[in-house]
Each structure stands twice: as C-alpha cells, then as structure tokens.
Amino acid sequence: MDVVLPMTHQVVSLDKAFMEYFKGKGIDNENAFPLIIGAHDHEPYEIELAGSKVLKTGSDAKAIGVCDIVWPDANSKKVGVGMKLEPIEQFDVDPELQKIVEKHQSCL
C-alpha cells in the first residue's frame, strides 16, 4: 500500500483533531495521512495542520476539489500533496449527466 486517504463526514474541528491525533504516527515520524478528503461543512476549507492537509469543497457543488499526490521518486515512501479548490463554472457541463441531475431534481 502506498498511501491511505481518509474520507470524513464531520465538522472541521473534528477533522483538525483527527489530524493532530495522527501527527508523528506515519513514515519517518510524519502524519499517517498526508491528505484528508472531508465533507459535512457547508463552507469550503483548505487546511494544513500537523503535517497533514484537509480539503472540503463546501455545499451545493460550487467548487471542485483538485488534489495532486506526488512521489518524489519510485522508491520514496513520502508523498507531496497539492490541493486547490476550482470554481465549478470553469468546467463544461456533461449533457448526459445533466439529464440525470434534472430527473432527480424534478421530484424535489
């Protein structure tokens, strides 16, 4: 196994506690989880803490989370993590997916 990326659904304060708990419990005393993909909060978050990062896109599909995980070389156990939030408007709508969304929204 190269890397484990937890996906959480909890408030950001609990994500921060999770990050602190696993500080120093990974390879070479690093955080056990270099990136956490989170949800639940309605606001977007990009947080670096305790040797880890958490990315939350917020509510209502206003943003897309883009994460890059990079190994410096083929033998490296440590990874580099890049993350950013991109506005949804910069992505083209998929017509087939849009039909599915409209079908499900019609009953709301």
N, C-alpha and C. Protein backbone atom coordinates (compact mmCIF):
# COMPACT_ATOMS: atom_id res chain seq x y z
N MET A 1 0.85 -1.16 0.00
CA MET A 1 0.00 0.00 0.00
C MET A 1 0.90 1.23 0.00
N ASP A 2 0.61 2.16 -0.89
CA ASP A 2 1.43 3.37 -1.00
C ASP A 2 0.94 4.49 -0.10
N VAL A 3 -0.37 4.72 -0.08
CA VAL A 3 -0.90 5.83 0.72
C VAL A 3 -2.37 5.55 1.03
N VAL A 4 -2.81 6.02 2.19
CA VAL A 4 -4.21 5.91 2.59
C VAL A 4 -4.76 7.33 2.69
N LEU A 5 -5.90 7.57 2.05
CA LEU A 5 -6.55 8.89 2.09
C LEU A 5 -7.91 8.75 2.76
N PRO A 6 -8.02 9.14 4.02
CA PRO A 6 -9.31 9.05 4.69
C PRO A 6 -10.32 10.03 4.06
N MET A 7 -11.55 9.58 4.01
CA MET A 7 -12.66 10.45 3.61
C MET A 7 -13.55 10.57 4.84
N THR A 8 -13.75 11.80 5.29
CA THR A 8 -14.54 12.02 6.50
C THR A 8 -15.83 12.76 6.19
N HIS A 9 -16.76 12.66 7.12
CA HIS A 9 -18.00 13.43 7.05
C HIS A 9 -18.29 13.92 8.45
N GLN A 10 -17.56 14.97 8.84
CA GLN A 10 -17.65 15.52 10.18
C GLN A 10 -17.29 17.00 10.14
N VAL A 11 -17.58 17.72 11.20
CA VAL A 11 -17.26 19.15 11.24
C VAL A 11 -15.75 19.35 11.23
N VAL A 12 -15.32 20.51 10.78
CA VAL A 12 -13.90 20.77 10.58
C VAL A 12 -13.11 20.66 11.89
N SER A 13 -13.70 20.98 13.02
CA SER A 13 -12.97 20.86 14.29
C SER A 13 -12.59 19.40 14.57
N LEU A 14 -13.45 18.46 14.18
CA LEU A 14 -13.12 17.05 14.35
C LEU A 14 -12.07 16.60 13.34
N ASP A 15 -12.08 17.16 12.14
CA ASP A 15 -11.01 16.87 11.18
C ASP A 15 -9.66 17.35 11.73
N LYS A 16 -9.64 18.51 12.34
CA LYS A 16 -8.40 19.03 12.93
C LYS A 16 -7.92 18.13 14.07
N ALA A 17 -8.83 17.66 14.90
CA ALA A 17 -8.45 16.75 15.98
C ALA A 17 -7.90 15.44 15.42
N PHE A 18 -8.51 14.96 14.34
CA PHE A 18 -8.05 13.75 13.65
C PHE A 18 -6.62 13.95 13.13
N MET A 19 -6.37 15.10 12.54
CA MET A 19 -5.03 15.42 12.03
C MET A 19 -4.00 15.44 13.17
N GLU A 20 -4.37 16.08 14.25
CA GLU A 20 -3.46 16.15 15.42
C GLU A 20 -3.20 14.76 16.00
N TYR A 21 -4.23 13.93 16.07
CA TYR A 21 -4.08 12.60 16.64
C TYR A 21 -3.06 11.75 15.87
N PHE A 22 -3.05 11.86 14.56
CA PHE A 22 -2.16 11.04 13.74
C PHE A 22 -0.83 11.71 13.42
N LYS A 23 -0.58 12.87 14.01
CA LYS A 23 0.71 13.53 13.83
C LYS A 23 1.82 12.64 14.39
N GLY A 24 2.86 12.42 13.59
CA GLY A 24 4.00 11.62 14.03
C GLY A 24 3.79 10.11 14.00
N LYS A 25 2.64 9.65 13.50
CA LYS A 25 2.36 8.21 13.50
C LYS A 25 2.53 7.58 12.12
N GLY A 26 3.11 8.33 11.20
CA GLY A 26 3.34 7.81 9.86
C GLY A 26 4.81 7.52 9.62
N ILE A 27 5.17 7.37 8.36
CA ILE A 27 6.55 7.09 7.95
C ILE A 27 7.46 8.24 8.37
N ASP A 28 8.62 7.88 8.95
CA ASP A 28 9.61 8.87 9.37
C ASP A 28 9.02 9.95 10.26
N ASN A 29 8.12 9.56 11.15
CA ASN A 29 7.52 10.46 12.12
C ASN A 29 6.64 11.55 11.47
N GLU A 30 6.18 11.28 10.27
CA GLU A 30 5.26 12.20 9.59
C GLU A 30 3.84 11.88 10.03
N ASN A 31 2.88 12.68 9.55
CA ASN A 31 1.48 12.36 9.80
C ASN A 31 1.12 11.10 9.03
N ALA A 32 0.33 10.23 9.64
CA ALA A 32 -0.05 8.96 9.00
C ALA A 32 -0.86 9.19 7.72
N PHE A 33 -1.54 10.34 7.65
CA PHE A 33 -2.39 10.63 6.49
C PHE A 33 -2.00 11.99 5.91
N PRO A 34 -1.38 12.00 4.74
CA PRO A 34 -0.95 13.28 4.17
C PRO A 34 -2.11 14.15 3.69
N LEU A 35 -3.25 13.52 3.38
CA LEU A 35 -4.41 14.26 2.88
C LEU A 35 -5.68 13.61 3.39
N ILE A 36 -6.61 14.45 3.81
CA ILE A 36 -7.95 14.01 4.22
C ILE A 36 -8.95 14.71 3.30
N ILE A 37 -9.82 13.93 2.72
CA ILE A 37 -10.88 14.49 1.88
C ILE A 37 -12.13 14.54 2.75
N GLY A 38 -12.59 15.74 3.05
CA GLY A 38 -13.67 15.89 4.01
C GLY A 38 -14.95 16.44 3.43
N ALA A 39 -16.01 16.26 4.20
CA ALA A 39 -17.33 16.79 3.83
C ALA A 39 -18.04 17.21 5.11
N HIS A 40 -19.26 17.55 5.02
CA HIS A 40 -20.19 17.92 6.08
C HIS A 40 -20.34 19.43 6.22
N ASP A 41 -19.24 20.15 6.32
CA ASP A 41 -19.33 21.60 6.46
C ASP A 41 -19.88 22.21 5.17
N HIS A 42 -20.59 23.29 5.29
CA HIS A 42 -21.15 23.95 4.11
C HIS A 42 -20.19 24.99 3.54
N GLU A 43 -19.14 25.29 4.26
CA GLU A 43 -18.13 26.22 3.78
C GLU A 43 -16.94 25.42 3.25
N PRO A 44 -16.24 25.96 2.25
CA PRO A 44 -15.04 25.28 1.76
C PRO A 44 -13.87 25.50 2.73
N TYR A 45 -13.00 24.51 2.81
CA TYR A 45 -11.80 24.60 3.66
C TYR A 45 -10.61 23.99 2.94
N GLU A 46 -9.47 24.66 3.08
CA GLU A 46 -8.18 24.13 2.67
C GLU A 46 -7.26 24.37 3.86
N ILE A 47 -6.97 23.32 4.61
CA ILE A 47 -6.25 23.46 5.88
C ILE A 47 -5.00 22.61 5.86
N GLU A 48 -3.91 23.18 6.36
CA GLU A 48 -2.68 22.43 6.61
C GLU A 48 -2.42 22.48 8.10
N LEU A 49 -2.24 21.30 8.70
CA LEU A 49 -2.08 21.21 10.15
C LEU A 49 -1.42 19.88 10.49
N ALA A 50 -0.48 19.90 11.40
CA ALA A 50 0.11 18.68 11.97
C ALA A 50 0.69 17.75 10.90
N GLY A 51 1.23 18.32 9.83
CA GLY A 51 1.83 17.51 8.78
C GLY A 51 0.83 16.87 7.84
N SER A 52 -0.41 17.34 7.87
CA SER A 52 -1.46 16.80 7.01
C SER A 52 -2.22 17.95 6.38
N LYS A 53 -3.08 17.61 5.42
CA LYS A 53 -3.93 18.61 4.77
C LYS A 53 -5.34 18.06 4.71
N VAL A 54 -6.32 18.95 4.83
CA VAL A 54 -7.71 18.57 4.63
C VAL A 54 -8.31 19.50 3.60
N LEU A 55 -9.10 18.91 2.69
CA LEU A 55 -9.77 19.68 1.65
C LEU A 55 -11.26 19.37 1.73
N LYS A 56 -12.05 20.44 1.86
CA LYS A 56 -13.52 20.32 1.87
C LYS A 56 -14.05 21.30 0.85
N THR A 57 -14.92 20.83 -0.03
CA THR A 57 -15.39 21.68 -1.13
C THR A 57 -16.59 22.55 -0.79
N GLY A 58 -17.21 22.35 0.35
CA GLY A 58 -18.39 23.14 0.71
C GLY A 58 -19.65 22.55 0.11
N SER A 59 -20.72 23.32 0.17
CA SER A 59 -22.03 22.81 -0.25
C SER A 59 -22.42 23.25 -1.65
N ASP A 60 -23.44 22.61 -2.16
CA ASP A 60 -24.12 22.99 -3.40
C ASP A 60 -23.25 22.93 -4.65
N ALA A 61 -22.23 22.11 -4.64
CA ALA A 61 -21.38 21.90 -5.83
C ALA A 61 -20.90 23.21 -6.45
N LYS A 62 -20.45 24.12 -5.61
CA LYS A 62 -19.93 25.40 -6.10
C LYS A 62 -18.46 25.30 -6.48
N ALA A 63 -17.79 24.28 -5.97
CA ALA A 63 -16.35 24.12 -6.23
C ALA A 63 -16.01 22.65 -6.42
N ILE A 64 -14.92 22.45 -7.13
CA ILE A 64 -14.36 21.11 -7.34
C ILE A 64 -13.02 21.08 -6.60
N GLY A 65 -12.79 20.03 -5.84
CA GLY A 65 -11.50 19.86 -5.17
C GLY A 65 -10.54 19.11 -6.08
N VAL A 66 -9.37 19.69 -6.30
CA VAL A 66 -8.35 19.07 -7.13
C VAL A 66 -7.16 18.74 -6.23
N CYS A 67 -6.81 17.46 -6.19
CA CYS A 67 -5.71 17.00 -5.33
C CYS A 67 -4.65 16.33 -6.20
N ASP A 68 -3.41 16.68 -5.96
CA ASP A 68 -2.28 16.03 -6.62
C ASP A 68 -1.43 15.36 -5.56
N ILE A 69 -1.19 14.07 -5.74
CA ILE A 69 -0.33 13.32 -4.83
C ILE A 69 0.87 12.88 -5.64
N VAL A 70 2.06 13.26 -5.18
CA VAL A 70 3.28 13.05 -5.97
C VAL A 70 4.33 12.34 -5.14
N TRP A 71 4.90 11.29 -5.71
CA TRP A 71 6.04 10.62 -5.11
C TRP A 71 7.30 11.20 -5.74
N PRO A 72 8.26 11.66 -4.94
CA PRO A 72 9.47 12.27 -5.50
C PRO A 72 10.26 11.34 -6.41
N ASP A 73 10.24 10.04 -6.10
CA ASP A 73 10.89 9.05 -6.96
C ASP A 73 10.23 7.69 -6.71
N ALA A 74 10.61 6.71 -7.50
CA ALA A 74 9.96 5.40 -7.45
C ALA A 74 10.14 4.68 -6.12
N ASN A 75 11.17 5.02 -5.36
CA ASN A 75 11.44 4.34 -4.09
C ASN A 75 10.96 5.11 -2.87
N SER A 76 10.41 6.28 -3.07
CA SER A 76 10.02 7.14 -1.96
C SER A 76 8.78 6.61 -1.26
N LYS A 77 8.78 6.67 0.06
CA LYS A 77 7.60 6.33 0.86
C LYS A 77 6.81 7.60 1.20
N LYS A 78 7.46 8.74 1.19
CA LYS A 78 6.80 10.01 1.48
C LYS A 78 6.19 10.56 0.19
N VAL A 79 5.10 11.28 0.35
CA VAL A 79 4.46 11.89 -0.81
C VAL A 79 4.33 13.39 -0.60
N GLY A 80 4.28 14.09 -1.71
CA GLY A 80 3.93 15.51 -1.68
C GLY A 80 2.46 15.64 -2.05
N VAL A 81 1.79 16.60 -1.45
CA VAL A 81 0.37 16.78 -1.69
C VAL A 81 0.11 18.23 -2.10
N GLY A 82 -0.56 18.38 -3.23
CA GLY A 82 -1.06 19.69 -3.64
C GLY A 82 -2.57 19.63 -3.65
N MET A 83 -3.20 20.74 -3.28
CA MET A 83 -4.66 20.77 -3.28
C MET A 83 -5.13 22.18 -3.59
N LYS A 84 -6.28 22.26 -4.25
CA LYS A 84 -6.86 23.56 -4.53
C LYS A 84 -8.34 23.38 -4.84
N LEU A 85 -9.07 24.46 -4.65
CA LEU A 85 -10.48 24.49 -4.99
C LEU A 85 -10.64 25.26 -6.30
N GLU A 86 -11.40 24.70 -7.22
CA GLU A 86 -11.64 25.33 -8.51
C GLU A 86 -13.13 25.63 -8.63
N PRO A 87 -13.50 26.83 -9.11
CA PRO A 87 -14.91 27.16 -9.29
C PRO A 87 -15.56 26.23 -10.32
N ILE A 88 -16.75 25.79 -10.01
CA ILE A 88 -17.46 24.84 -10.87
C ILE A 88 -17.70 25.41 -12.27
N GLU A 89 -17.80 26.73 -12.38
CA GLU A 89 -18.11 27.35 -13.66
C GLU A 89 -17.04 27.12 -14.73
N GLN A 90 -15.85 26.79 -14.31
CA GLN A 90 -14.79 26.60 -15.32
C GLN A 90 -14.82 25.22 -15.97
N PHE A 91 -15.75 24.37 -15.56
CA PHE A 91 -15.89 23.03 -16.14
C PHE A 91 -17.12 22.97 -17.03
N ASP A 92 -17.01 22.28 -18.14
CA ASP A 92 -18.13 22.12 -19.06
C ASP A 92 -19.15 21.14 -18.47
N VAL A 93 -20.42 21.41 -18.74
CA VAL A 93 -21.49 20.53 -18.30
C VAL A 93 -21.53 19.30 -19.21
N ASP A 94 -21.64 18.13 -18.61
CA ASP A 94 -21.81 16.89 -19.35
C ASP A 94 -23.30 16.73 -19.62
N PRO A 95 -23.73 16.75 -20.89
CA PRO A 95 -25.17 16.70 -21.20
C PRO A 95 -25.88 15.47 -20.65
N GLU A 96 -25.25 14.31 -20.71
CA GLU A 96 -25.88 13.08 -20.20
C GLU A 96 -26.04 13.15 -18.68
N LEU A 97 -25.04 13.62 -18.00
CA LEU A 97 -25.12 13.75 -16.55
C LEU A 97 -26.16 14.80 -16.17
N GLN A 98 -26.25 15.88 -16.94
CA GLN A 98 -27.23 16.93 -16.67
C GLN A 98 -28.65 16.37 -16.73
N LYS A 99 -28.92 15.47 -17.67
CA LYS A 99 -30.25 14.84 -17.77
C LYS A 99 -30.57 14.05 -16.50
N ILE A 100 -29.58 13.34 -15.99
CA ILE A 100 -29.78 12.54 -14.77
C ILE A 100 -30.06 13.47 -13.59
N VAL A 101 -29.31 14.54 -13.49
CA VAL A 101 -29.50 15.50 -12.39
C VAL A 101 -30.90 16.10 -12.46
N GLU A 102 -31.31 16.52 -13.63
CA GLU A 102 -32.64 17.13 -13.80
C GLU A 102 -33.75 16.14 -13.44
N LYS A 103 -33.56 14.89 -13.80
CA LYS A 103 -34.56 13.88 -13.46
C LYS A 103 -34.71 13.76 -11.95
N HIS A 104 -33.61 13.72 -11.23
CA HIS A 104 -33.67 13.59 -9.78
C HIS A 104 -34.15 14.87 -9.11
N GLN A 105 -33.81 16.02 -9.67
CA GLN A 105 -34.26 17.28 -9.08
C GLN A 105 -35.74 17.52 -9.31
N SER A 106 -36.31 16.90 -10.32
CA SER A 106 -37.73 17.12 -10.63
C SER A 106 -38.66 16.67 -9.50
N CYS A 107 -38.20 15.77 -8.66
CA CYS A 107 -39.06 15.29 -7.57
C CYS A 107 -38.83 16.08 -6.28
N LEU A 108 -37.96 17.06 -6.31
CA LEU A 108 -37.71 17.86 -5.10
C LEU A 108 -38.70 18.99 -4.96
